[in-house]
């Protein structure tokens, strides 16, 4: 599994996950929409922790820094 999630991308994903969780627990999002928000927050958290996003791989997007092979 290749790394395709960069540092800034990880930070944005974690911040969005925290916001979604906060919205759920403050009853702004409830019912089915709240459950979908929690699932999305879980996916965002997992993808930021493992540095890999399957959607990025499908669309060949890579926000991670590339390593120099010359050194």
N, C-alpha and C. Protein backbone atom coordinates (compact mmCIF):
# COMPACT_ATOMS: atom_id res chain seq x y z
N UNK A 1 0.85 -1.17 0.00
CA UNK A 1 0.00 0.00 0.00
C UNK A 1 0.90 1.24 0.00
N UNK A 2 0.75 2.06 -1.00
CA UNK A 2 1.54 3.28 -1.11
C UNK A 2 0.92 4.41 -0.31
N UNK A 3 1.76 5.30 0.16
CA UNK A 3 1.30 6.49 0.87
C UNK A 3 0.81 7.50 -0.17
N UNK A 4 -0.40 8.00 -0.01
CA UNK A 4 -0.90 8.99 -0.96
C UNK A 4 -1.61 10.16 -0.26
N UNK A 5 -1.45 10.27 1.06
CA UNK A 5 -2.06 11.36 1.82
C UNK A 5 -0.94 12.16 2.48
N UNK A 6 -0.87 13.45 2.17
CA UNK A 6 0.17 14.32 2.71
C UNK A 6 -0.17 14.88 4.08
N UNK A 7 0.75 15.64 4.64
CA UNK A 7 0.60 16.19 5.99
C UNK A 7 -0.57 17.16 6.10
N UNK A 8 -0.66 18.10 5.18
CA UNK A 8 -1.76 19.06 5.21
C UNK A 8 -3.09 18.35 5.01
N UNK A 9 -3.12 17.38 4.14
CA UNK A 9 -4.33 16.60 3.88
C UNK A 9 -4.76 15.86 5.15
N UNK A 10 -3.78 15.30 5.88
CA UNK A 10 -4.09 14.61 7.13
C UNK A 10 -4.71 15.56 8.14
N UNK A 11 -4.14 16.75 8.24
CA UNK A 11 -4.63 17.74 9.18
C UNK A 11 -6.07 18.16 8.85
N UNK A 12 -6.34 18.38 7.58
CA UNK A 12 -7.69 18.76 7.15
C UNK A 12 -8.68 17.63 7.42
N UNK A 13 -8.28 16.40 7.14
CA UNK A 13 -9.16 15.26 7.38
C UNK A 13 -9.48 15.11 8.87
N UNK A 14 -8.48 15.24 9.72
CA UNK A 14 -8.72 15.12 11.15
C UNK A 14 -9.58 16.26 11.69
N UNK A 15 -9.35 17.47 11.19
CA UNK A 15 -10.16 18.61 11.62
C UNK A 15 -11.62 18.43 11.19
N UNK A 16 -11.83 17.96 9.97
CA UNK A 16 -13.19 17.73 9.49
C UNK A 16 -13.87 16.62 10.29
N UNK A 17 -13.12 15.58 10.64
CA UNK A 17 -13.68 14.49 11.45
C UNK A 17 -14.09 15.00 12.83
N UNK A 18 -13.26 15.85 13.43
CA UNK A 18 -13.60 16.41 14.74
C UNK A 18 -14.85 17.28 14.65
N UNK A 19 -14.95 18.07 13.59
CA UNK A 19 -16.13 18.92 13.41
C UNK A 19 -17.38 18.07 13.24
N UNK A 20 -17.31 17.02 12.45
CA UNK A 20 -18.47 16.16 12.24
C UNK A 20 -18.90 15.47 13.54
N UNK A 21 -17.93 15.01 14.31
CA UNK A 21 -18.25 14.38 15.59
C UNK A 21 -18.88 15.39 16.54
N UNK A 22 -18.33 16.60 16.57
CA UNK A 22 -18.88 17.64 17.43
C UNK A 22 -20.32 17.99 17.02
N UNK A 23 -20.57 18.09 15.72
CA UNK A 23 -21.92 18.38 15.24
C UNK A 23 -22.91 17.29 15.62
N UNK A 24 -22.46 16.04 15.61
CA UNK A 24 -23.33 14.94 16.00
C UNK A 24 -23.65 15.00 17.49
N UNK A 25 -22.63 15.19 18.31
CA UNK A 25 -22.85 15.17 19.75
C UNK A 25 -23.50 16.44 20.29
N UNK A 26 -23.52 17.51 19.50
CA UNK A 26 -24.25 18.71 19.92
C UNK A 26 -25.65 18.74 19.31
N UNK A 27 -26.08 17.63 18.73
CA UNK A 27 -27.42 17.44 18.15
C UNK A 27 -27.73 18.37 16.99
N UNK A 28 -26.72 18.88 16.32
CA UNK A 28 -26.95 19.63 15.08
C UNK A 28 -27.26 18.63 13.97
N UNK A 29 -26.52 17.54 13.95
CA UNK A 29 -26.78 16.44 13.01
C UNK A 29 -27.34 15.28 13.81
N UNK A 30 -28.50 14.79 13.41
CA UNK A 30 -29.11 13.68 14.14
C UNK A 30 -29.76 12.72 13.16
N UNK A 31 -30.20 11.61 13.66
CA UNK A 31 -30.87 10.62 12.83
C UNK A 31 -29.92 10.00 11.83
N UNK A 32 -30.44 9.73 10.65
CA UNK A 32 -29.65 9.10 9.60
C UNK A 32 -28.47 9.97 9.18
N UNK A 33 -28.69 11.26 9.06
CA UNK A 33 -27.61 12.17 8.67
C UNK A 33 -26.49 12.17 9.71
N UNK A 34 -26.86 12.08 10.98
CA UNK A 34 -25.86 12.02 12.03
C UNK A 34 -25.03 10.75 11.97
N UNK A 35 -25.68 9.63 11.68
CA UNK A 35 -24.96 8.36 11.58
C UNK A 35 -24.03 8.38 10.38
N UNK A 36 -24.50 8.93 9.26
CA UNK A 36 -23.64 9.06 8.07
C UNK A 36 -22.44 9.95 8.39
N UNK A 37 -22.66 11.03 9.15
CA UNK A 37 -21.56 11.92 9.52
C UNK A 37 -20.54 11.20 10.40
N UNK A 38 -21.00 10.36 11.32
CA UNK A 38 -20.08 9.61 12.17
C UNK A 38 -19.28 8.59 11.36
N UNK A 39 -19.93 7.95 10.41
CA UNK A 39 -19.22 6.99 9.56
C UNK A 39 -18.18 7.71 8.72
N UNK A 40 -18.54 8.86 8.17
CA UNK A 40 -17.60 9.66 7.39
C UNK A 40 -16.43 10.11 8.26
N UNK A 41 -16.71 10.52 9.50
CA UNK A 41 -15.64 10.92 10.42
C UNK A 41 -14.71 9.75 10.71
N UNK A 42 -15.27 8.55 10.85
CA UNK A 42 -14.44 7.37 11.08
C UNK A 42 -13.54 7.08 9.88
N UNK A 43 -14.10 7.16 8.69
CA UNK A 43 -13.31 6.92 7.47
C UNK A 43 -12.21 7.96 7.33
N UNK A 44 -12.55 9.23 7.57
CA UNK A 44 -11.54 10.29 7.48
C UNK A 44 -10.41 10.07 8.49
N UNK A 45 -10.76 9.66 9.70
CA UNK A 45 -9.75 9.41 10.73
C UNK A 45 -8.86 8.23 10.35
N UNK A 46 -9.45 7.16 9.89
CA UNK A 46 -8.66 5.97 9.53
C UNK A 46 -7.72 6.28 8.36
N UNK A 47 -8.25 6.95 7.32
CA UNK A 47 -7.40 7.25 6.17
C UNK A 47 -6.27 8.21 6.53
N UNK A 48 -6.50 9.09 7.48
CA UNK A 48 -5.42 10.00 7.87
C UNK A 48 -4.39 9.27 8.73
N UNK A 49 -4.80 8.28 9.49
CA UNK A 49 -3.85 7.55 10.33
C UNK A 49 -2.99 6.57 9.53
N UNK A 50 -3.56 5.97 8.49
CA UNK A 50 -2.79 5.00 7.70
C UNK A 50 -2.14 5.64 6.47
N UNK A 51 -2.37 6.94 6.26
CA UNK A 51 -1.76 7.68 5.14
C UNK A 51 -2.15 7.15 3.77
N UNK A 52 -3.31 6.55 3.66
CA UNK A 52 -3.74 5.99 2.38
C UNK A 52 -5.24 6.21 2.21
N UNK A 53 -5.61 6.71 1.04
CA UNK A 53 -7.01 6.93 0.71
C UNK A 53 -7.34 6.13 -0.56
N UNK A 54 -8.27 5.17 -0.49
CA UNK A 54 -8.62 4.38 -1.66
C UNK A 54 -9.18 5.22 -2.82
N UNK A 55 -9.92 6.27 -2.52
CA UNK A 55 -10.43 7.13 -3.58
C UNK A 55 -9.30 7.86 -4.29
N UNK A 56 -8.30 8.28 -3.53
CA UNK A 56 -7.13 8.91 -4.15
C UNK A 56 -6.43 7.93 -5.09
N UNK A 57 -6.33 6.68 -4.66
CA UNK A 57 -5.69 5.67 -5.50
C UNK A 57 -6.49 5.44 -6.78
N UNK A 58 -7.81 5.42 -6.67
CA UNK A 58 -8.65 5.20 -7.84
C UNK A 58 -8.52 6.34 -8.85
N UNK A 59 -8.39 7.57 -8.37
CA UNK A 59 -8.28 8.73 -9.25
C UNK A 59 -6.83 9.16 -9.47
N UNK A 60 -5.89 8.36 -8.96
CA UNK A 60 -4.44 8.63 -9.10
C UNK A 60 -4.04 10.00 -8.57
N UNK A 61 -4.57 10.34 -7.39
CA UNK A 61 -4.24 11.59 -6.70
C UNK A 61 -3.21 11.25 -5.62
N UNK A 62 -2.21 12.10 -5.47
CA UNK A 62 -1.19 11.88 -4.45
C UNK A 62 -0.81 13.23 -3.86
N UNK A 63 -1.13 13.44 -2.57
CA UNK A 63 -0.78 14.69 -1.90
C UNK A 63 0.45 14.54 -1.01
N UNK A 64 1.01 13.33 -0.96
CA UNK A 64 2.21 13.09 -0.15
C UNK A 64 3.44 13.62 -0.89
N UNK A 65 4.43 14.00 -0.11
CA UNK A 65 5.69 14.46 -0.70
C UNK A 65 6.41 13.29 -1.33
N UNK A 66 7.02 13.54 -2.46
CA UNK A 66 7.76 12.49 -3.16
C UNK A 66 9.20 12.45 -2.64
N UNK A 67 9.72 11.23 -2.47
CA UNK A 67 11.09 11.04 -2.00
C UNK A 67 12.05 11.16 -3.17
N UNK A 68 13.22 11.75 -2.92
CA UNK A 68 14.25 11.83 -3.94
C UNK A 68 14.96 10.49 -4.07
N UNK A 69 15.06 10.00 -5.29
CA UNK A 69 15.76 8.74 -5.53
C UNK A 69 17.21 8.96 -5.91
N UNK A 70 17.62 10.22 -6.10
CA UNK A 70 18.99 10.53 -6.50
C UNK A 70 19.98 10.38 -5.34
N UNK A 71 19.49 10.51 -4.11
CA UNK A 71 20.40 10.49 -2.95
C UNK A 71 20.81 9.12 -2.56
